[in-house]
Protein backbone atom coordinates (compact mmCIF):
# COMPACT_ATOMS: atom_id res chain seq x y z
CA MET A 1 0.00 0.00 0.00
CA TYR A 2 3.07 2.24 -0.43
CA ARG A 3 3.06 3.34 3.20
CA ARG A 4 -0.50 4.64 2.81
CA ARG A 5 -1.39 3.78 6.40
CA GLY A 6 1.47 5.89 7.69
CA PHE A 7 0.55 8.73 5.35
CA ILE A 8 -3.10 8.65 6.43
CA CYS A 9 -2.09 8.55 10.12
CA THR A 10 0.01 11.64 9.48
CA VAL A 11 -3.03 13.26 7.85
CA LEU A 12 -5.25 12.45 10.84
CA ILE A 13 -2.72 13.86 13.30
CA LEU A 14 -1.94 16.96 11.27
CA CYS A 15 -5.22 18.03 9.70
CA LEU A 16 -6.30 20.03 12.76
CA PHE A 17 -2.77 21.34 13.37
CA CYS A 18 -2.23 22.43 9.78
CA GLY A 19 -5.77 23.65 9.29
CA ALA A 20 -5.03 26.43 11.75
CA LEU A 21 -2.27 27.65 9.42
CA ALA A 22 -4.37 27.87 6.27
CA ASP A 23 -6.49 30.70 4.94
CA PRO A 24 -10.14 29.99 5.94
CA LEU A 25 -11.02 29.78 2.24
CA TYR A 26 -8.40 27.13 1.54
CA PRO A 27 -7.76 23.86 3.38
CA SER A 28 -4.55 22.19 4.46
CA LEU A 29 -3.33 19.81 1.77
CA TRP A 30 -2.72 17.10 4.40
CA GLY A 31 -6.45 17.06 5.07
CA CYS A 32 -7.43 16.68 1.41
CA VAL A 33 -6.28 13.19 0.46
CA ASP A 34 -8.66 11.85 -2.20
CA PRO A 35 -8.98 8.03 -1.98
CA ASN A 36 -9.76 7.62 -5.68
CA LEU A 37 -6.82 9.77 -6.77
CA GLN A 38 -4.58 7.99 -4.24
CA ASP A 39 -5.54 4.59 -5.64
CA ALA A 40 -4.98 5.83 -9.18
CA LEU A 41 -1.55 7.24 -8.32
CA GLU A 42 -0.44 4.01 -6.66
CA TYR A 43 -1.73 1.90 -9.58
CA THR A 44 0.02 4.15 -12.09
CA LEU A 45 3.36 3.92 -10.29
CA ARG A 46 3.05 0.13 -10.07
CA ARG A 47 2.24 -0.02 -13.79
CA LEU A 48 5.41 1.97 -14.48
CA GLY A 49 7.45 -0.57 -12.52
CA LEU A 50 8.42 1.88 -9.76
CA GLN A 51 7.14 -0.06 -6.74
CA VAL A 52 10.64 -1.14 -5.67
CA ALA A 53 11.91 2.43 -5.83
CA ILE A 54 8.99 3.55 -3.70
CA ARG A 55 9.45 0.76 -1.19
CA HIS A 56 13.13 1.68 -0.83
CA LYS A 57 12.27 5.40 -0.53
CA GLN A 58 14.15 6.24 -3.72
CA LEU A 59 11.12 8.05 -5.13
CA SER A 60 8.61 10.49 -3.68
CA VAL A 61 5.59 11.84 -5.58
CA ALA A 62 2.85 14.33 -4.75
CA LEU A 63 -0.06 15.07 -7.09
CA VAL A 64 -2.64 17.75 -6.29
CA ASP A 65 -5.64 18.56 -8.47
CA ILE A 66 -6.26 22.28 -7.95
CA THR A 67 -8.81 22.78 -10.73
CA ASP A 68 -11.10 23.85 -7.88
CA LEU A 69 -8.72 25.78 -5.63
CA ALA A 70 -11.04 25.60 -2.63
CA ARG A 71 -11.33 21.80 -2.94
CA PRO A 72 -7.90 20.38 -3.79
CA ARG A 73 -7.61 16.63 -4.31
CA VAL A 74 -4.35 15.21 -2.98
CA ALA A 75 -2.47 11.97 -3.54
CA ALA A 76 1.08 11.23 -2.40
CA VAL A 77 3.58 8.41 -2.08
CA ASN A 78 6.46 8.97 0.36
CA GLY A 79 5.18 12.54 0.37
CA ASP A 80 6.76 13.50 3.70
CA GLU A 81 10.16 11.91 3.04
CA MET A 82 13.01 14.42 3.01
CA PHE A 83 15.27 14.29 -0.08
CA TYR A 84 18.35 16.12 -1.23
CA ALA A 85 16.71 18.27 -3.92
CA ALA A 86 19.63 20.07 -5.64
CA SER A 87 18.32 23.22 -7.35
CA LEU A 88 14.62 22.74 -6.62
CA PRO A 89 14.88 24.67 -3.29
CA LYS A 90 15.78 27.78 -5.28
CA ILE A 91 12.01 28.36 -5.08
CA ALA A 92 12.64 29.06 -1.38
CA ILE A 93 15.13 31.78 -2.35
CA LEU A 94 12.49 33.16 -4.74
CA LEU A 95 10.03 33.33 -1.84
CA GLY A 96 12.61 34.99 0.41
CA ALA A 97 13.21 37.69 -2.18
CA PHE A 98 9.50 38.38 -2.60
CA VAL A 99 8.95 38.56 1.16
CA LEU A 100 11.66 41.23 1.30
CA ILE A 101 10.08 43.01 -1.67
CA GLU A 102 6.69 42.93 0.05
CA GLN A 103 8.26 44.33 3.23
CA GLY A 104 10.02 47.13 1.34
CA ASP A 105 13.53 45.78 1.97
CA MET A 106 14.15 44.94 -1.69
CA THR A 107 12.92 46.45 -4.93
CA LEU A 108 11.67 44.38 -7.86
CA ASP A 109 13.58 46.47 -10.36
CA ALA A 110 14.82 45.20 -13.72
CA PRO A 111 18.21 43.91 -12.44
CA THR A 112 16.58 42.06 -9.52
CA ARG A 113 13.95 40.52 -11.78
CA GLU A 114 16.68 39.43 -14.20
CA VAL A 115 18.68 37.69 -11.43
CA LEU A 116 15.56 35.92 -10.13
CA THR A 117 14.58 34.84 -13.64
CA ARG A 118 18.02 33.37 -14.37
CA MET A 119 17.95 31.59 -11.00
CA ILE A 120 14.65 29.88 -11.84
CA ARG A 121 14.45 29.41 -15.61
CA THR A 122 18.06 28.45 -16.36
CA SER A 123 18.84 27.44 -12.76
CA SER A 124 21.86 29.73 -12.56
CA ASN A 125 23.91 28.88 -9.47
CA GLU A 126 25.62 32.26 -9.62
CA ALA A 127 22.26 34.07 -9.60
CA ALA A 128 20.95 31.87 -6.76
CA THR A 129 24.01 32.54 -4.60
CA GLN A 130 23.88 36.26 -5.33
CA MET A 131 20.22 36.43 -4.29
CA LEU A 132 20.78 34.23 -1.23
CA HIS A 133 23.45 36.67 -0.05
CA ARG A 134 21.12 39.64 -0.61
CA ILE A 135 18.40 38.00 1.48
CA GLY A 136 20.79 36.60 4.08
CA LYS A 137 20.93 32.91 4.95
CA PRO A 138 19.70 33.35 8.56
CA ARG A 139 16.82 35.52 7.37
CA LEU A 140 15.77 32.97 4.74
CA ALA A 141 15.87 30.19 7.33
CA ARG A 142 13.63 32.26 9.60
CA ILE A 143 11.18 32.88 6.74
CA LEU A 144 10.94 29.17 5.89
CA GLN A 145 10.38 28.20 9.53
CA SER A 146 8.12 31.13 10.42
CA GLU A 147 4.57 30.71 11.70
CA ARG A 148 3.41 32.52 8.57
CA PHE A 149 4.78 29.88 6.15
CA ARG A 150 6.08 26.78 7.98
CA LEU A 151 7.59 25.53 4.74
CA TYR A 152 10.22 23.82 6.87
CA ASP A 153 8.49 22.24 9.83
CA PRO A 154 9.70 19.29 11.96
CA ALA A 155 6.05 18.38 12.61
CA VAL A 156 5.75 17.27 8.96
CA ASN A 157 9.31 15.89 8.68
CA GLY A 158 10.94 19.03 7.28
CA GLY A 159 10.34 20.66 3.92
CA LEU A 160 12.13 23.30 1.88
CA TRP A 161 15.63 24.12 3.10
CA VAL A 162 18.55 26.18 1.76
CA GLY A 163 21.58 25.99 4.03
CA LYS A 164 24.39 26.51 1.55
CA ASP A 165 25.44 28.65 -1.39
CA TYR A 166 25.06 27.04 -4.80
CA GLY A 167 28.78 26.66 -5.23
CA LYS A 168 31.91 25.14 -3.71
CA THR A 169 31.61 26.62 -0.26
CA PRO A 170 30.93 24.95 3.10
CA ALA A 171 27.34 24.68 4.29
CA TRP A 172 26.16 27.51 6.50
CA LYS A 173 23.54 25.44 8.32
CA ARG A 174 22.19 22.06 7.29
CA ASP A 175 18.57 21.22 7.92
CA PRO A 176 17.89 20.31 11.57
CA LEU A 177 16.42 16.85 10.89
CA TYR A 178 18.51 15.29 8.12
CA HIS A 179 21.51 17.61 7.77
CA LEU A 180 20.84 18.32 4.08
CA SER A 181 22.25 21.47 2.50
CA HIS A 182 19.43 21.78 -0.08
CA GLY A 183 16.39 19.73 0.90
CA ALA A 184 12.70 19.27 0.19
CA THR A 185 9.71 17.01 0.72
CA ALA A 186 7.18 16.49 -2.05
CA MET A 187 4.25 17.60 0.11
CA GLN A 188 5.89 20.81 1.32
CA THR A 189 6.96 21.61 -2.25
CA ALA A 190 3.39 21.02 -3.43
CA ARG A 191 2.20 23.24 -0.58
CA PHE A 192 4.53 26.03 -1.75
CA TYR A 193 2.79 26.01 -5.13
CA TYR A 194 -0.67 25.79 -3.56
CA LEU A 195 0.07 28.79 -1.32
CA LEU A 196 1.39 30.64 -4.36
CA GLU A 197 -1.66 29.82 -6.47
CA THR A 198 -4.04 30.88 -3.68
CA GLN A 199 -2.03 34.08 -3.11
CA GLN A 200 -1.16 33.16 0.46
CA LEU A 201 2.60 33.65 0.05
CA VAL A 202 2.59 37.33 -0.93
CA SER A 203 0.17 39.90 -2.32
CA PRO A 204 -1.84 39.13 -5.50
CA GLN A 205 0.34 41.45 -7.59
CA LEU A 206 3.58 39.92 -6.31
CA SER A 207 2.12 36.41 -6.66
CA HIS A 208 1.56 37.18 -10.34
CA SER A 209 5.20 38.28 -10.66
CA MET A 210 6.42 35.10 -8.94
CA LYS A 211 4.41 32.95 -11.35
CA GLU A 212 5.77 34.86 -14.33
CA ILE A 213 9.33 34.12 -13.20
CA LEU A 214 8.42 30.43 -12.80
CA SER A 215 6.97 30.28 -16.32
CA HIS A 216 8.73 29.49 -19.62
CA PRO A 217 11.25 26.93 -18.28
CA ALA A 218 14.44 27.00 -20.31
CA ILE A 219 15.76 23.54 -19.39
CA HIS A 220 13.94 20.91 -21.44
CA HIS A 221 14.22 17.71 -19.45
CA LYS A 222 12.18 15.71 -16.90
CA PHE A 223 8.59 17.07 -16.75
CA VAL A 224 9.12 19.52 -19.60
CA LYS A 225 10.42 16.79 -21.88
CA GLY A 226 7.64 14.40 -20.92
CA LEU A 227 4.83 16.91 -21.41
CA GLU A 228 5.90 17.57 -24.99
CA ALA A 229 3.44 14.73 -25.59
CA ARG A 230 0.63 16.97 -24.28
CA PRO A 231 0.72 20.13 -26.45
CA GLY A 232 -0.81 23.26 -24.99
CA SER A 233 0.37 22.63 -21.43
CA LYS A 234 1.38 25.75 -19.54
CA MET A 235 3.93 25.11 -16.82
CA TYR A 236 5.29 27.05 -13.83
CA ARG A 237 8.25 24.95 -12.82
CA LYS A 238 11.53 24.37 -10.99
CA SER A 239 13.69 21.28 -11.27
CA GLY A 240 16.94 20.11 -9.70
CA THR A 241 19.79 17.78 -10.64
CA TRP A 242 22.98 16.67 -8.93
CA LYS A 243 24.63 13.34 -9.67
CA HIS A 244 21.91 10.70 -9.08
CA TRP A 245 19.54 13.09 -7.30
CA HIS A 246 16.74 14.38 -9.52
CA ALA A 247 13.79 16.58 -8.69
CA ASP A 248 11.03 18.33 -10.56
CA SER A 249 8.01 20.38 -9.52
CA ALA A 250 5.37 22.37 -11.33
CA ILE A 251 1.94 23.84 -11.63
CA VAL A 252 0.51 22.57 -14.93
CA GLU A 253 -2.48 24.14 -16.68
CA ARG A 254 -4.31 22.83 -19.77
CA ASP A 255 -7.85 22.67 -21.14
CA GLY A 256 -9.37 24.26 -18.05
CA TYR A 257 -7.64 21.87 -15.63
CA LYS A 258 -4.86 22.71 -13.20
CA TYR A 259 -2.66 20.55 -11.00
CA ILE A 260 0.54 20.53 -8.95
CA VAL A 261 3.02 17.71 -9.43
CA VAL A 262 6.25 17.05 -7.53
CA ALA A 263 8.69 14.16 -7.83
CA LEU A 264 11.95 13.67 -5.91
CA ALA A 265 14.23 10.73 -6.67
CA HIS A 266 17.64 9.25 -5.97
CA HIS A 267 18.71 6.61 -8.49
CA PRO A 268 20.95 6.35 -11.59
CA HIS A 269 17.79 6.19 -13.75
CA ALA A 270 15.83 8.86 -11.87
CA ASP A 271 15.96 11.38 -14.71
CA ARG A 272 14.22 8.87 -16.98
CA TRP A 273 11.69 8.05 -14.26
CA LEU A 274 10.58 11.68 -14.07
CA SER A 275 10.32 12.09 -17.84
CA ARG A 276 8.32 8.87 -18.09
CA LEU A 277 5.87 9.34 -15.23
CA ILE A 278 4.62 12.87 -15.94
CA VAL A 279 2.27 11.94 -18.81
CA PRO A 280 0.50 9.12 -16.91
CA LEU A 281 0.10 11.50 -13.95
CA ASP A 282 -1.22 14.21 -16.26
CA ASP A 283 -3.77 11.68 -17.54
CA LEU A 284 -5.09 11.25 -13.99
CA ILE A 285 -6.13 14.91 -13.92
CA VAL A 286 -6.82 16.03 -17.50
CA PRO A 287 -9.36 13.88 -19.39
CA ALA A 288 -8.34 12.71 -22.84
CA GLN A 289 -9.76 14.88 -25.60
CA PRO A 290 -12.07 13.10 -28.09
């Protein structure tokens, strides 16, 4: 059952706790597991031959149908497992910058927008490190762990973490639970996108700017490569790659449907896994056109 019992127990424990953090209009994702979507996700991953990877915690997947934002449908496998996520946590740096912009401590001028865009679309390590220094590592850690966001939270086994420059420098502070320099869980990454889409991260205007920076991905692999088979898909996305660690995450929109998908993996074939699984997952949300 792909650790479903443990996942559902986590949901039962956390739904009241996390519900207090959410906007009254929008629920906690942990409280929105859809049994039919969960069954479909598990069947799809078995059909793709990924059950061993899931059993060995080499793969984590979260899928959230947000076509109706007020009623998300959630399915996850190893969703609360912490993975080294390479460049994917650059979305945390993006959030940190926009929090400072919202607070008046940074200006979204043309040079700042250009650095943020390079950091996300082409995954520039130089741009990410530059922006991390502008925000300040301690300040970003406080933002991620704050009551406002709780995007890194020990109560849900961690989440998004940036404790090191994107370069050959020592870690400033590894995550408290697993000592990762750049970490993520699939559920917390999915929650980042849900909070963005529901404008709970920053103001509506700044949320629009964040989504624009996340659009038009310039690296055509993993989810982007796989969804070439589904023309017309619009994607807001950030991936990550380092050695055998592969990650991808996105909001995908097409034909009036919208969903969040996150996959984190550690395996020599993980890149191929992510390219191969995105279309079957897309099919779980977007009905085939006649």
